[in-house]
Amino acid sequence: MRMATILLVLFAGYLAFRYAKVQASGTPIPVDPYDLNKDGKVDQADVALLQSVYGAVNPQNPLSVAADFDRNGVVNILDYGQLALHATR
């Protein structure tokens, strides 16, 4: 039970770090969760990263966790669909 709690707290901290950056002034800057490589756009490079972690989510691999957009424990076609919907136009 303690291990599950620790993992949950670590995961929550990871999500907080992953989804928000802070400017020098202290103002949060939203980060697009679909921009897996954090280059400012959702494109083929992000698709390639998603492909590299396709399958069961490995909790010890932050990219694997981040690519599971629907949080169902598997990086699959549903995650590809969400990534496609958020592609930079």
N, C-alpha and C. Protein backbone atom coordinates (compact mmCIF):
# COMPACT_ATOMS: atom_id res chain seq x y z
N MET A 1 0.82 -1.19 0.00
CA MET A 1 0.00 0.00 0.00
C MET A 1 0.86 1.26 0.00
N ARG A 2 1.94 1.24 0.76
CA ARG A 2 2.81 2.41 0.82
C ARG A 2 3.46 2.69 -0.53
N MET A 3 3.87 1.61 -1.23
CA MET A 3 4.51 1.78 -2.53
C MET A 3 3.54 2.43 -3.51
N ALA A 4 2.28 2.03 -3.49
CA ALA A 4 1.27 2.62 -4.38
C ALA A 4 1.10 4.11 -4.09
N THR A 5 1.10 4.47 -2.83
CA THR A 5 0.96 5.87 -2.44
C THR A 5 2.17 6.69 -2.91
N ILE A 6 3.35 6.13 -2.73
CA ILE A 6 4.57 6.81 -3.16
C ILE A 6 4.55 7.01 -4.68
N LEU A 7 4.19 5.96 -5.41
CA LEU A 7 4.12 6.06 -6.86
C LEU A 7 3.09 7.10 -7.30
N LEU A 8 1.96 7.13 -6.62
CA LEU A 8 0.93 8.10 -6.96
C LEU A 8 1.41 9.53 -6.74
N VAL A 9 2.09 9.77 -5.63
CA VAL A 9 2.62 11.10 -5.33
C VAL A 9 3.69 11.49 -6.35
N LEU A 10 4.57 10.55 -6.70
CA LEU A 10 5.60 10.83 -7.69
C LEU A 10 4.98 11.13 -9.05
N PHE A 11 3.96 10.36 -9.42
CA PHE A 11 3.31 10.57 -10.70
C PHE A 11 2.61 11.93 -10.72
N ALA A 12 1.95 12.31 -9.65
CA ALA A 12 1.29 13.61 -9.58
C ALA A 12 2.31 14.75 -9.71
N GLY A 13 3.45 14.59 -9.06
CA GLY A 13 4.51 15.59 -9.19
C GLY A 13 5.05 15.67 -10.60
N TYR A 14 5.20 14.51 -11.22
CA TYR A 14 5.66 14.46 -12.61
C TYR A 14 4.67 15.19 -13.51
N LEU A 15 3.37 14.94 -13.34
CA LEU A 15 2.37 15.60 -14.17
C LEU A 15 2.39 17.11 -13.97
N ALA A 16 2.54 17.54 -12.73
CA ALA A 16 2.59 18.98 -12.46
C ALA A 16 3.79 19.61 -13.16
N PHE A 17 4.93 18.91 -13.15
CA PHE A 17 6.12 19.41 -13.82
C PHE A 17 5.95 19.36 -15.33
N ARG A 18 5.35 18.31 -15.83
CA ARG A 18 5.21 18.09 -17.27
C ARG A 18 4.28 19.10 -17.92
N TYR A 19 3.21 19.48 -17.24
CA TYR A 19 2.19 20.30 -17.87
C TYR A 19 2.30 21.79 -17.57
N ALA A 20 3.30 22.21 -16.85
CA ALA A 20 3.43 23.65 -16.60
C ALA A 20 4.89 24.03 -16.48
N LYS A 21 5.25 25.10 -17.16
CA LYS A 21 6.57 25.70 -17.00
C LYS A 21 6.34 27.05 -16.35
N VAL A 22 7.37 27.60 -15.77
CA VAL A 22 7.22 28.89 -15.10
C VAL A 22 8.19 29.90 -15.72
N GLN A 23 7.68 31.06 -16.07
CA GLN A 23 8.52 32.15 -16.58
C GLN A 23 9.38 32.68 -15.44
N ALA A 24 10.35 33.50 -15.80
CA ALA A 24 11.20 34.12 -14.79
C ALA A 24 10.36 34.95 -13.83
N SER A 25 9.24 35.51 -14.32
CA SER A 25 8.39 36.32 -13.46
C SER A 25 7.54 35.48 -12.52
N GLY A 26 7.54 34.16 -12.72
CA GLY A 26 6.75 33.29 -11.87
C GLY A 26 5.39 32.95 -12.45
N THR A 27 5.09 33.45 -13.65
CA THR A 27 3.81 33.17 -14.29
C THR A 27 3.87 31.84 -15.03
N PRO A 28 2.94 30.92 -14.76
CA PRO A 28 2.97 29.64 -15.46
C PRO A 28 2.73 29.80 -16.96
N ILE A 29 3.48 29.03 -17.75
CA ILE A 29 3.29 28.97 -19.20
C ILE A 29 2.74 27.59 -19.51
N PRO A 30 1.55 27.49 -20.11
CA PRO A 30 1.00 26.18 -20.40
C PRO A 30 1.87 25.44 -21.42
N VAL A 31 2.01 24.15 -21.22
CA VAL A 31 2.77 23.30 -22.12
C VAL A 31 1.78 22.32 -22.75
N ASP A 32 1.86 22.17 -24.07
CA ASP A 32 0.97 21.25 -24.77
C ASP A 32 1.37 19.82 -24.45
N PRO A 33 0.52 19.03 -23.82
CA PRO A 33 0.87 17.65 -23.47
C PRO A 33 1.06 16.77 -24.70
N TYR A 34 0.57 17.20 -25.85
CA TYR A 34 0.71 16.40 -27.07
C TYR A 34 2.04 16.69 -27.78
N ASP A 35 2.74 17.71 -27.37
CA ASP A 35 4.05 18.05 -27.91
C ASP A 35 5.09 17.25 -27.13
N LEU A 36 5.25 15.99 -27.49
CA LEU A 36 6.08 15.07 -26.72
C LEU A 36 7.55 15.47 -26.66
N ASN A 37 8.06 16.11 -27.71
CA ASN A 37 9.47 16.50 -27.70
C ASN A 37 9.68 17.97 -27.30
N LYS A 38 8.60 18.66 -26.97
CA LYS A 38 8.63 20.04 -26.44
C LYS A 38 9.35 21.01 -27.36
N ASP A 39 9.07 20.89 -28.68
CA ASP A 39 9.67 21.83 -29.63
C ASP A 39 8.71 22.93 -30.05
N GLY A 40 7.53 22.98 -29.40
CA GLY A 40 6.57 24.03 -29.67
C GLY A 40 5.53 23.69 -30.72
N LYS A 41 5.59 22.49 -31.28
CA LYS A 41 4.58 22.08 -32.25
C LYS A 41 4.34 20.58 -32.15
N VAL A 42 3.14 20.17 -32.52
CA VAL A 42 2.78 18.75 -32.54
C VAL A 42 2.90 18.31 -34.00
N ASP A 43 3.88 17.47 -34.28
CA ASP A 43 4.17 17.11 -35.67
C ASP A 43 4.67 15.67 -35.77
N GLN A 44 5.30 15.34 -36.91
CA GLN A 44 5.76 13.97 -37.16
C GLN A 44 6.79 13.52 -36.14
N ALA A 45 7.57 14.43 -35.60
CA ALA A 45 8.56 14.06 -34.58
C ALA A 45 7.85 13.50 -33.34
N ASP A 46 6.71 14.08 -33.01
CA ASP A 46 5.94 13.59 -31.86
C ASP A 46 5.30 12.24 -32.17
N VAL A 47 4.88 12.04 -33.42
CA VAL A 47 4.35 10.74 -33.84
C VAL A 47 5.44 9.68 -33.72
N ALA A 48 6.65 10.01 -34.13
CA ALA A 48 7.76 9.06 -34.03
C ALA A 48 8.04 8.69 -32.57
N LEU A 49 7.96 9.66 -31.68
CA LEU A 49 8.16 9.37 -30.26
C LEU A 49 7.05 8.47 -29.73
N LEU A 50 5.81 8.75 -30.14
CA LEU A 50 4.70 7.91 -29.71
C LEU A 50 4.89 6.48 -30.22
N GLN A 51 5.34 6.33 -31.46
CA GLN A 51 5.59 5.00 -32.01
C GLN A 51 6.67 4.26 -31.22
N SER A 52 7.65 4.99 -30.73
CA SER A 52 8.77 4.36 -30.02
C SER A 52 8.35 3.74 -28.69
N VAL A 53 7.20 4.16 -28.16
CA VAL A 53 6.73 3.62 -26.88
C VAL A 53 5.38 2.91 -27.02
N TYR A 54 5.03 2.54 -28.26
CA TYR A 54 3.75 1.88 -28.52
C TYR A 54 3.64 0.59 -27.72
N GLY A 55 2.51 0.37 -27.10
CA GLY A 55 2.26 -0.84 -26.30
C GLY A 55 1.98 -0.48 -24.85
N ALA A 56 2.22 -1.43 -23.99
CA ALA A 56 1.95 -1.24 -22.56
C ALA A 56 2.80 -0.12 -22.00
N VAL A 57 2.21 0.68 -21.13
CA VAL A 57 2.91 1.80 -20.50
C VAL A 57 3.89 1.28 -19.47
N ASN A 58 5.10 1.79 -19.51
CA ASN A 58 6.12 1.48 -18.52
C ASN A 58 6.19 2.68 -17.57
N PRO A 59 5.74 2.53 -16.33
CA PRO A 59 5.72 3.66 -15.39
C PRO A 59 7.10 4.27 -15.14
N GLN A 60 8.16 3.53 -15.43
CA GLN A 60 9.50 4.05 -15.20
C GLN A 60 10.02 4.84 -16.41
N ASN A 61 9.24 4.89 -17.49
CA ASN A 61 9.62 5.64 -18.68
C ASN A 61 8.68 6.84 -18.82
N PRO A 62 9.15 8.04 -18.50
CA PRO A 62 8.27 9.22 -18.55
C PRO A 62 7.64 9.45 -19.93
N LEU A 63 8.35 9.14 -21.00
CA LEU A 63 7.78 9.31 -22.33
C LEU A 63 6.61 8.36 -22.55
N SER A 64 6.76 7.15 -22.07
CA SER A 64 5.69 6.15 -22.18
C SER A 64 4.44 6.63 -21.44
N VAL A 65 4.62 7.17 -20.26
CA VAL A 65 3.50 7.67 -19.47
C VAL A 65 2.87 8.89 -20.16
N ALA A 66 3.70 9.78 -20.67
CA ALA A 66 3.20 11.00 -21.33
C ALA A 66 2.45 10.68 -22.62
N ALA A 67 2.87 9.64 -23.34
CA ALA A 67 2.23 9.30 -24.61
C ALA A 67 0.90 8.59 -24.44
N ASP A 68 0.60 8.14 -23.24
CA ASP A 68 -0.69 7.49 -22.96
C ASP A 68 -1.69 8.60 -22.61
N PHE A 69 -2.16 9.31 -23.64
CA PHE A 69 -2.99 10.49 -23.43
C PHE A 69 -4.30 10.19 -22.73
N ASP A 70 -4.88 9.02 -22.99
CA ASP A 70 -6.16 8.71 -22.36
C ASP A 70 -6.00 7.96 -21.04
N ARG A 71 -4.76 7.75 -20.63
CA ARG A 71 -4.44 7.13 -19.32
C ARG A 71 -5.12 5.77 -19.12
N ASN A 72 -5.14 4.95 -20.18
CA ASN A 72 -5.73 3.62 -20.04
C ASN A 72 -4.68 2.53 -19.85
N GLY A 73 -3.41 2.91 -19.70
CA GLY A 73 -2.35 1.95 -19.43
C GLY A 73 -1.71 1.37 -20.68
N VAL A 74 -2.16 1.83 -21.86
CA VAL A 74 -1.63 1.32 -23.12
C VAL A 74 -1.49 2.48 -24.09
N VAL A 75 -0.33 2.56 -24.75
CA VAL A 75 -0.17 3.53 -25.84
C VAL A 75 -0.63 2.81 -27.10
N ASN A 76 -1.77 3.26 -27.64
CA ASN A 76 -2.38 2.53 -28.76
C ASN A 76 -2.99 3.51 -29.77
N ILE A 77 -3.83 2.98 -30.65
CA ILE A 77 -4.42 3.78 -31.73
C ILE A 77 -5.27 4.94 -31.19
N LEU A 78 -5.83 4.78 -30.00
CA LEU A 78 -6.61 5.87 -29.40
C LEU A 78 -5.71 7.08 -29.10
N ASP A 79 -4.49 6.79 -28.68
CA ASP A 79 -3.54 7.87 -28.41
C ASP A 79 -3.08 8.52 -29.71
N TYR A 80 -2.90 7.70 -30.76
CA TYR A 80 -2.58 8.27 -32.08
C TYR A 80 -3.68 9.24 -32.51
N GLY A 81 -4.92 8.85 -32.30
CA GLY A 81 -6.05 9.70 -32.69
C GLY A 81 -6.02 11.03 -31.96
N GLN A 82 -5.75 11.00 -30.66
CA GLN A 82 -5.68 12.25 -29.90
C GLN A 82 -4.53 13.12 -30.37
N LEU A 83 -3.40 12.49 -30.67
CA LEU A 83 -2.26 13.24 -31.16
C LEU A 83 -2.59 13.89 -32.51
N ALA A 84 -3.26 13.16 -33.38
CA ALA A 84 -3.65 13.69 -34.69
C ALA A 84 -4.59 14.88 -34.55
N LEU A 85 -5.51 14.82 -33.59
CA LEU A 85 -6.46 15.91 -33.38
C LEU A 85 -5.76 17.19 -32.93
N HIS A 86 -4.62 17.05 -32.29
CA HIS A 86 -3.92 18.21 -31.75
C HIS A 86 -2.71 18.61 -32.58
N ALA A 87 -2.58 18.03 -33.75
CA ALA A 87 -1.43 18.35 -34.62
C ALA A 87 -1.42 19.83 -34.96
N THR A 88 -0.22 20.41 -34.98
CA THR A 88 -0.05 21.81 -35.35
C THR A 88 -0.41 21.98 -36.80
N ARG A 89 -1.24 22.95 -37.07
CA ARG A 89 -1.69 23.17 -38.44
C ARG A 89 -0.88 24.25 -39.12
